[in-house]
Structure formats: structure tokens, C-alpha cells
Amino acid sequence: MNWGLFRFGEKGGGIMKAIKLLTVLGVLMVMVFSGFSGALAKQPVKIGAAFGLQGLWSDWCKRDIIAMEMAIEKINAAGGVNGMPLEVTIYDTASKPAEATRMVRKLAADDKVLAILGPFSSSECEVAFPVGNRIGIVMIAQASSKPGVAAANRPYAFRNKVDELRLAIPAMKKWKEYYQIKSVAIVHDSKDAVSRALGTMVLPGVCKKLGLKIVNQGKYVTYTTNDFDMSPQVTRLKHLEFDGIVFGGVYMDGVTFIKEARRQGVNQPMMAGNPIMHLLFPIRGGKAAEGVFTSSEFYYWMAKESVQKFTKEFIKRAKDKGFDPPQPLQFDVNVYDSVCMLAHVMKKMGITNKPG
């Protein structure tokens, strides 16, 4: 498999489809469904979505709905699930872990869905996955990439996403070779779960694996999500000697940081974890963002016919809804594939909407 690499300012990368454990999913969904009673054969087959439509993850999750709608329309146009229409109930987690947990309970208990898409982030999944696992509801997250989050909550929690460690190794290796990096300084968000894991475990571990010297070992430069002023962090870096910056944080903070770094004359090349992968990073970062490396499992200009067909339809719908830029991201594809996987296993396992 080819692991994705993305360098802002240049078109390139790779794609990977994380489709696995379909039989396990199917068995679990049959187990879940057997607990329902009184369902009628022609009633819709219901799934749920717990997405952060407000707050930190809203830029991604609002787009994910477009992909989800595309998948459901395609499935229903082809006859639905064993002749029954597929239907989704969407709740907003507001990008908050506690709210994600509440929405999982509501979807499972009140709406009686067969499976749940989301939550989006590792911070949400760390608390919502255990709840879903206790309830016994299948959940598939589209973006959670902190290593071990889903594995710790089997048998019902899954992720259609490659974890940060497996993404970071090839990305950092290419970055090291491209810029001839020998020493690095690490900067990371101390609040967000995946960013914290990136900065304290994943990226330092990969640096050591590749023989890179960490000049601020044990004294990493940190900030808090949505900090509007990164000048103190950049000032700390100015007193260090290093070849490259390793960054763990979301794209909004990445924009703030890289602009301030370049303003203060800290011009070393930067490599970042997957949360920085958003089309708005190079747009808002401008010239300061050029040459930054990160990882991606999907890029919309791939020559594959299926990718171009998906991209064309997604762009049309995104433009109609006012999204700019309108091109799809990796998480949109993950949601689309997750819906298709759920429909596939429901058909394969003979879900009938009749009581078990």
C-alpha cells in the first residue's frame, strides 16, 4: 500500500482505503438489531451520525454531510438495503467530548439506529467509544487518528482512518530527505487529544526512529487550541539551532504558527501531523505555508475514474451549499466509504427490519 504524502505548494500524494472487518461488523449489527421489536419491513433502515457541526471540527464535519448524502442517495437509488430505504439521523456534538457521548446515547436509545457514523475526533472518541461499546452499537469514526483509540473499545468501535504513527513515518522520511534534515524542534497543542499524542509520543518517536536529533527534548514548545498569538512560542524557537520544525496541531493553529514563525524570521521547513491537512491551510497560510509536508490518504486530483466522478459531484454540491474551496478532503471520502460499508454488511447479513 502507498501511504499518503502531501507537500503544500505541490500536487502529489497517495491514497489508501481502510476497509476491513466487514464480517465482524455484520455480525455485530445483527446482534444489535435482534434487540429491537415491532419494526415493519418497509420502514427505513436507520443509521445515525454524531458530527461536530459547531466548534473546532465544524470545517470538516459540515463537508462530511455532503459525502454522507451522496452515499445514501446512491444506495437508495439502487434499491436501498434489501428493498428498504437507508435513512440517517444527524446530531451535532459541537466538537465537545461530553456532547458526543450524549448524542451517542440519544441515537442508540431514542432513535434506535443500527449504527453510528462518528464522532469525528480522537478527543470525542476517547469518551464516546466506551459508551457505545457498553450499549452495543457499532460506531465508525472518520477522522480519529490517535493510535489505539478504537482497538481499546472493541468489539463495537471502528475507525475508517489510518492512525498517525503509520502516516507519520513515510511523510517524515520524505521530508527529511527532501530538506536534508538532521535536527528538529517540536511544537504541539497541549489540549487536543490527537495533537497532544502527536507532539508527545508519535512524532518524537518517529524522529528518533529516523535518527533525527530533537533539540528541545523534554522541553517541547506548546500552545493551547485556538491560541491567537503564537509569538511567545516562536520566540522560544529563535534561541535554538535546528534544521526543521515538527508540528502537532490542527490547521487553524498551524496557520497562526507558520505565519508568526516566518514573520520572526524562523524559516526552517516544517512537517506536521494529519490534522493540518485541510485545503484552507495553504489558502490562509499563503506563502508562509509553502513547502510544509504532511500526510494524506486521499487527494482529489487523482487520475482514477472513480475519484474524479466522486470529486465532480462533491464539488457541485459543495458549491451549491457555499463551501469555498469546494473540493473534497480525505475525511469526506472516509464517510462516503463508511456508509457504503454499512449498507454492504447489512445486505450481506440479511437485515430485514423485522424483529430478531
Protein backbone atom coordinates (compact mmCIF):
# COMPACT_ATOMS: atom_id res chain seq x y z
CA MET A 1 0.00 0.00 0.00
CA ASN A 2 1.09 3.56 -0.66
CA TRP A 3 0.94 5.84 2.36
CA GLY A 4 -0.01 9.41 1.57
CA LEU A 5 2.45 12.28 1.46
CA PHE A 6 1.46 15.86 0.80
CA ARG A 7 3.68 18.88 0.38
CA PHE A 8 1.81 22.19 0.23
CA GLY A 9 2.66 24.11 -2.91
CA GLU A 10 2.99 20.90 -4.95
CA LYS A 11 0.41 18.40 -6.20
CA GLY A 12 1.18 14.85 -5.17
CA GLY A 13 0.41 12.16 -2.61
CA GLY A 14 -1.18 8.76 -2.20
CA ILE A 15 -4.48 7.02 -1.34
CA MET A 16 -5.34 4.23 0.97
CA LYS A 17 -8.76 2.67 1.59
CA ALA A 18 -9.10 1.36 5.11
CA ILE A 19 -11.83 -1.23 4.56
CA LYS A 20 -11.66 -4.14 6.98
CA LEU A 21 -13.52 -6.36 9.41
CA LEU A 22 -16.71 -6.38 7.31
CA THR A 23 -17.81 -9.77 8.59
CA VAL A 24 -17.31 -8.69 12.20
CA LEU A 25 -19.33 -5.54 11.54
CA GLY A 26 -22.11 -7.59 10.01
CA VAL A 27 -22.33 -10.00 12.92
CA LEU A 28 -22.35 -7.12 15.41
CA MET A 29 -25.10 -5.31 13.52
CA VAL A 30 -27.26 -8.44 13.51
CA MET A 31 -26.68 -8.71 17.27
CA VAL A 32 -27.73 -5.08 17.73
CA PHE A 33 -30.78 -5.44 15.53
CA SER A 34 -32.02 -8.52 17.33
CA GLY A 35 -32.81 -6.34 20.34
CA PHE A 36 -35.42 -4.25 18.51
CA SER A 37 -39.09 -5.12 18.36
CA GLY A 38 -42.13 -4.01 16.44
CA ALA A 39 -40.25 -2.87 13.30
CA LEU A 40 -42.11 -3.02 9.99
CA ALA A 41 -40.47 -4.45 6.88
CA LYS A 42 -40.84 -1.31 4.77
CA GLN A 43 -39.74 1.18 7.38
CA PRO A 44 -36.40 2.88 6.69
CA VAL A 45 -33.21 1.26 7.91
CA LYS A 46 -31.81 3.90 10.25
CA ILE A 47 -28.23 4.88 10.96
CA GLY A 48 -27.02 7.86 12.97
CA ALA A 49 -24.32 10.50 12.65
CA ALA A 50 -22.65 12.32 15.56
CA PHE A 51 -20.68 15.13 13.89
CA GLY A 52 -19.21 18.37 15.22
CA LEU A 53 -21.23 20.90 13.23
CA GLN A 54 -20.11 23.68 15.56
CA GLY A 55 -16.77 24.29 17.22
CA LEU A 56 -13.28 23.07 16.38
CA TRP A 57 -14.19 20.34 13.88
CA SER A 58 -17.03 22.09 12.05
CA ASP A 59 -14.95 22.93 8.95
CA TRP A 60 -14.55 19.22 8.33
CA CYS A 61 -17.85 17.81 9.58
CA LYS A 62 -20.12 20.11 7.58
CA ARG A 63 -18.41 18.85 4.44
CA ASP A 64 -18.74 15.25 5.60
CA ILE A 65 -22.52 15.58 5.43
CA ILE A 66 -22.29 16.17 1.68
CA ALA A 67 -20.42 12.88 1.22
CA MET A 68 -22.86 11.07 3.50
CA GLU A 69 -25.83 12.33 1.49
CA MET A 70 -24.16 11.26 -1.75
CA ALA A 71 -23.65 7.73 -0.46
CA ILE A 72 -27.19 7.38 0.89
CA GLU A 73 -28.73 8.67 -2.34
CA LYS A 74 -26.64 6.22 -4.37
CA ILE A 75 -27.63 3.29 -2.15
CA ASN A 76 -31.33 4.17 -2.18
CA ALA A 77 -31.34 4.70 -5.95
CA ALA A 78 -30.04 1.14 -6.29
CA GLY A 79 -32.84 -0.32 -4.16
CA GLY A 80 -31.74 0.59 -0.67
CA VAL A 81 -30.90 -2.10 1.86
CA ASN A 82 -32.73 -5.28 0.91
CA GLY A 83 -35.53 -3.17 -0.56
CA MET A 84 -35.72 -0.72 2.34
CA PRO A 85 -34.55 2.91 2.18
CA LEU A 86 -31.49 3.90 4.18
CA GLU A 87 -32.09 6.91 6.43
CA VAL A 88 -29.77 8.94 8.66
CA THR A 89 -30.42 10.97 11.81
CA ILE A 90 -27.76 13.64 12.41
CA TYR A 91 -26.88 15.23 15.75
CA ASP A 92 -24.35 17.96 16.48
CA THR A 93 -21.66 17.16 19.05
CA ALA A 94 -20.45 20.79 18.94
CA SER A 95 -16.95 19.22 18.79
CA LYS A 96 -17.23 18.54 22.55
CA PRO A 97 -16.43 15.10 24.04
CA ALA A 98 -19.23 15.24 26.63
CA GLU A 99 -21.77 16.19 23.98
CA ALA A 100 -20.53 13.41 21.70
CA THR A 101 -21.23 10.92 24.46
CA ARG A 102 -24.74 12.31 24.96
CA MET A 103 -25.51 12.12 21.25
CA VAL A 104 -24.35 8.51 21.05
CA ARG A 105 -26.73 7.60 23.87
CA LYS A 106 -29.56 9.52 22.23
CA LEU A 107 -29.07 7.92 18.82
CA ALA A 108 -28.91 4.43 20.28
CA ALA A 109 -31.68 4.69 22.89
CA ASP A 110 -34.14 7.22 21.46
CA ASP A 111 -33.66 6.93 17.71
CA LYS A 112 -32.77 3.23 17.78
CA VAL A 113 -30.30 3.45 14.92
CA LEU A 114 -28.40 0.34 13.84
CA ALA A 115 -25.01 2.04 13.64
CA ILE A 116 -23.40 5.45 14.18
CA LEU A 117 -21.03 7.42 11.97
CA GLY A 118 -18.55 9.41 14.06
CA PRO A 119 -17.65 11.06 16.27
CA PHE A 120 -15.02 12.96 14.31
CA SER A 121 -12.08 13.50 16.64
CA SER A 122 -9.95 11.39 18.96
CA SER A 123 -10.94 13.64 21.89
CA GLU A 124 -14.60 12.76 21.27
CA CYS A 125 -13.96 9.09 20.51
CA GLU A 126 -11.95 8.55 23.69
CA VAL A 127 -15.11 9.12 25.75
CA ALA A 128 -17.88 8.20 23.28
CA PHE A 129 -16.46 4.86 22.10
CA PRO A 130 -16.57 3.27 25.58
CA VAL A 131 -20.21 4.35 25.93
CA GLY A 132 -21.15 2.91 22.54
CA ASN A 133 -19.29 -0.27 23.37
CA ARG A 134 -21.25 -0.71 26.61
CA ILE A 135 -24.53 -0.04 24.80
CA GLY A 136 -23.58 -2.42 21.99
CA ILE A 137 -23.86 -0.07 18.99
CA VAL A 138 -21.48 -0.18 16.02
CA MET A 139 -19.59 3.11 15.57
CA ILE A 140 -17.23 4.16 12.75
CA ALA A 141 -15.16 7.34 13.14
CA GLN A 142 -13.93 9.09 10.02
CA ALA A 143 -11.02 11.10 11.42
CA SER A 144 -9.90 9.87 14.85
CA SER A 145 -6.24 9.01 14.34
CA LYS A 146 -4.72 8.79 17.81
CA PRO A 147 -3.16 5.31 17.94
CA GLY A 148 -5.13 2.69 19.86
CA VAL A 149 -8.42 4.53 20.42
CA ALA A 150 -10.64 2.09 18.51
CA ALA A 151 -8.67 -1.01 19.44
CA ALA A 152 -9.25 -0.23 23.12
CA ASN A 153 -13.02 -0.30 22.56
CA ARG A 154 -13.72 -3.48 20.67
CA PRO A 155 -15.88 -5.13 19.60
CA TYR A 156 -18.15 -2.25 18.54
CA ALA A 157 -15.79 0.69 17.84
CA PHE A 158 -14.07 1.12 14.49
CA ARG A 159 -12.23 3.79 12.51
CA ASN A 160 -12.09 4.18 8.73
CA LYS A 161 -8.81 6.04 9.20
CA VAL A 162 -5.10 5.25 9.29
CA ASP A 163 -3.54 6.18 12.62
CA GLU A 164 -0.96 8.94 12.97
CA LEU A 165 2.03 6.68 13.52
CA ARG A 166 1.59 4.81 10.25
CA LEU A 167 1.05 8.09 8.40
CA ALA A 168 3.93 9.98 10.02
CA ILE A 169 6.74 7.56 9.21
CA PRO A 170 6.71 7.86 5.38
CA ALA A 171 5.85 11.57 5.49
CA MET A 172 8.71 12.45 7.82
CA LYS A 173 11.12 10.21 5.92
CA LYS A 174 10.41 12.09 2.67
CA TRP A 175 10.59 15.45 4.45
CA LYS A 176 13.94 14.52 5.99
CA GLU A 177 15.35 13.52 2.60
CA TYR A 178 13.93 16.49 0.71
CA TYR A 179 15.30 19.14 3.08
CA GLN A 180 18.32 17.18 4.40
CA ILE A 181 17.03 17.46 7.98
CA LYS A 182 19.28 16.31 10.82
CA SER A 183 17.84 18.13 13.85
CA VAL A 184 14.33 19.27 14.77
CA ALA A 185 12.35 21.33 17.27
CA ILE A 186 8.93 20.04 18.31
CA VAL A 187 5.85 22.25 18.70
CA HIS A 188 2.42 20.89 19.67
CA ASP A 189 -1.04 21.61 21.05
CA SER A 190 -1.27 20.55 24.70
CA LYS A 191 -5.09 20.34 24.79
CA ASP A 192 -6.48 18.44 21.78
CA ALA A 193 -6.07 14.66 22.21
CA VAL A 194 -4.59 13.73 18.85
CA SER A 195 -2.37 16.83 18.70
CA ARG A 196 -1.07 16.09 22.19
CA ALA A 197 -0.39 12.48 21.21
CA LEU A 198 1.37 13.67 18.08
CA GLY A 199 3.61 16.08 19.95
CA THR A 200 4.45 13.95 22.96
CA MET A 201 4.57 10.41 21.55
CA VAL A 202 4.09 9.85 17.83
CA LEU A 203 6.27 12.50 16.18
CA PRO A 204 9.12 12.35 18.73
CA GLY A 205 9.14 8.58 18.33
CA VAL A 206 9.35 8.82 14.54
CA CYS A 207 12.11 11.44 14.81
CA LYS A 208 14.19 9.07 16.93
CA LYS A 209 13.43 6.14 14.61
CA LEU A 210 14.78 8.16 11.68
CA GLY A 211 17.84 9.36 13.58
CA LEU A 212 16.79 12.99 13.96
CA LYS A 213 18.10 14.93 16.94
CA ILE A 214 15.36 16.69 18.97
CA VAL A 215 16.95 19.91 20.22
CA ASN A 216 14.16 20.68 22.71
CA GLN A 217 13.76 17.16 24.08
CA GLY A 218 11.75 17.29 27.31
CA LYS A 219 11.00 20.99 26.77
CA TYR A 220 8.71 20.96 23.76
CA VAL A 221 7.13 24.24 22.72
CA THR A 222 3.40 24.05 23.49
CA TYR A 223 0.27 26.11 22.97
CA THR A 224 -3.48 25.69 23.54
CA THR A 225 -6.03 25.08 20.78
CA ASN A 226 -7.12 28.31 19.07
CA ASP A 227 -4.35 30.46 20.60
CA PHE A 228 -4.43 33.65 18.55
CA ASP A 229 -0.91 34.76 19.45
CA MET A 230 1.99 32.40 18.76
CA SER A 231 4.75 34.98 19.26
CA PRO A 232 5.90 33.55 22.65
CA GLN A 233 6.23 30.08 21.12
CA VAL A 234 8.17 31.34 18.11
CA THR A 235 10.42 33.47 20.32
CA ARG A 236 11.43 30.33 22.22
CA LEU A 237 12.41 28.67 18.94
CA LYS A 238 14.60 31.58 17.86
CA HIS A 239 17.11 30.75 20.56
CA LEU A 240 17.53 27.16 19.34
CA GLU A 241 19.59 25.74 16.49
CA PHE A 242 17.78 23.16 14.35
CA ASP A 243 17.09 22.20 10.72
CA GLY A 244 13.32 21.68 10.78
CA ILE A 245 10.11 22.17 12.77
CA VAL A 246 7.86 19.21 13.68
CA PHE A 247 4.31 20.41 14.40
CA GLY A 248 1.38 18.63 16.07
CA GLY A 249 -1.87 20.57 15.78
CA VAL A 250 -4.92 21.42 13.68
CA TYR A 251 -4.71 23.52 10.52
CA MET A 252 -6.08 26.75 12.06
CA ASP A 253 -3.32 26.78 14.66
CA GLY A 254 -0.86 25.72 12.00
CA VAL A 255 -1.70 28.84 10.00
CA THR A 256 -1.26 31.08 13.05
CA PHE A 257 2.04 29.44 13.94
CA ILE A 258 3.66 29.33 10.50
CA LYS A 259 2.79 32.96 9.74
CA GLU A 260 4.29 34.11 13.03
CA ALA A 261 7.36 31.94 12.53
CA ARG A 262 8.04 33.42 9.11
CA ARG A 263 7.34 36.94 10.40
CA GLN A 264 10.02 36.50 13.05
CA GLY A 265 12.48 35.03 10.59
CA VAL A 266 12.17 31.40 11.69
CA ASN A 267 12.27 29.95 8.18
CA GLN A 268 13.18 26.31 8.75
CA PRO A 269 10.95 23.84 6.83
CA MET A 270 8.02 22.32 8.72
CA MET A 271 6.48 18.87 8.82
CA ALA A 272 3.08 18.36 10.51
CA GLY A 273 0.69 15.61 11.54
CA ASN A 274 -2.52 14.78 9.69
CA PRO A 275 -4.78 17.33 11.50
CA ILE A 276 -3.14 20.11 9.47
CA MET A 277 -4.38 18.54 6.22
CA HIS A 278 -7.09 20.93 5.10
CA LEU A 279 -7.29 22.92 1.88
CA LEU A 280 -7.66 26.10 3.93
CA PHE A 281 -4.16 25.69 5.38
CA PRO A 282 -2.32 26.72 2.19
CA ILE A 283 -5.03 29.26 1.32
CA ARG A 284 -4.92 31.06 4.67
CA GLY A 285 -1.25 30.42 5.25
CA GLY A 286 -0.29 31.82 1.86
CA LYS A 287 3.42 31.98 1.06
CA ALA A 288 4.31 31.09 4.66
CA ALA A 289 2.67 27.67 4.22
CA GLU A 290 4.53 26.73 1.06
CA GLY A 291 6.73 23.66 1.36
CA VAL A 292 5.11 22.29 4.53
CA PHE A 293 4.90 18.48 4.50
CA THR A 294 2.04 16.41 5.91
CA SER A 295 0.25 13.12 5.20
CA SER A 296 -2.99 12.35 3.39
CA GLU A 297 -4.87 9.20 2.40
CA PHE A 298 -6.67 10.90 -0.49
CA TYR A 299 -6.19 13.77 -2.90
CA TYR A 300 -8.95 14.97 -5.20
CA TRP A 301 -6.87 15.30 -8.38
CA MET A 302 -6.08 11.57 -8.56
CA ALA A 303 -6.49 10.27 -12.11
CA LYS A 304 -8.69 7.32 -11.08
CA GLU A 305 -12.09 7.47 -12.75
CA SER A 306 -13.95 6.72 -9.51
CA VAL A 307 -12.15 9.56 -7.71
CA GLN A 308 -12.87 12.04 -10.48
CA LYS A 309 -16.54 11.05 -10.60
CA PHE A 310 -16.85 11.46 -6.84
CA THR A 311 -14.96 14.76 -6.90
CA LYS A 312 -17.09 16.24 -9.68
CA GLU A 313 -20.34 15.50 -7.85
CA PHE A 314 -18.96 16.62 -4.48
CA ILE A 315 -17.73 19.95 -5.89
CA LYS A 316 -21.12 20.65 -7.45
CA ARG A 317 -22.95 20.05 -4.18
CA ALA A 318 -20.36 21.91 -2.11
CA LYS A 319 -20.62 24.97 -4.34
CA ASP A 320 -24.42 24.88 -4.05
CA LYS A 321 -24.01 24.95 -0.26
CA GLY A 322 -21.49 27.80 -0.37
CA PHE A 323 -18.31 25.92 0.56
CA ASP A 324 -15.05 27.52 -0.53
CA PRO A 325 -12.89 25.73 -1.51
CA PRO A 326 -15.40 23.08 -2.66
CA GLN A 327 -13.03 20.16 -3.26
CA PRO A 328 -13.39 17.01 -1.09
CA LEU A 329 -10.97 16.06 1.68
CA GLN A 330 -9.86 12.65 2.93
CA PHE A 331 -12.48 12.61 5.70
CA ASP A 332 -15.30 13.15 3.20
CA VAL A 333 -14.20 10.03 1.35
CA ASN A 334 -13.92 8.14 4.64
CA VAL A 335 -17.54 8.99 5.48
CA TYR A 336 -18.74 8.03 2.00
CA ASP A 337 -16.96 4.68 2.21
CA SER A 338 -18.23 4.06 5.75
CA VAL A 339 -21.86 4.47 4.66
CA CYS A 340 -21.25 2.10 1.74
CA MET A 341 -19.59 -0.43 4.06
CA LEU A 342 -22.52 -0.34 6.47
CA ALA A 343 -25.00 -0.85 3.63
CA HIS A 344 -22.88 -3.70 2.28
CA VAL A 345 -22.77 -5.63 5.54
CA MET A 346 -26.47 -5.03 6.20
CA LYS A 347 -27.28 -6.55 2.81
CA LYS A 348 -24.81 -9.39 3.27
CA MET A 349 -26.10 -10.27 6.74
CA GLY A 350 -29.74 -10.11 5.64
CA ILE A 351 -31.05 -7.20 7.70
CA THR A 352 -34.83 -7.28 7.18
CA ASN A 353 -36.19 -4.66 9.61
CA LYS A 354 -38.15 -7.42 11.32
CA PRO A 355 -37.69 -8.25 15.00
CA GLY A 356 -34.97 -10.82 15.72
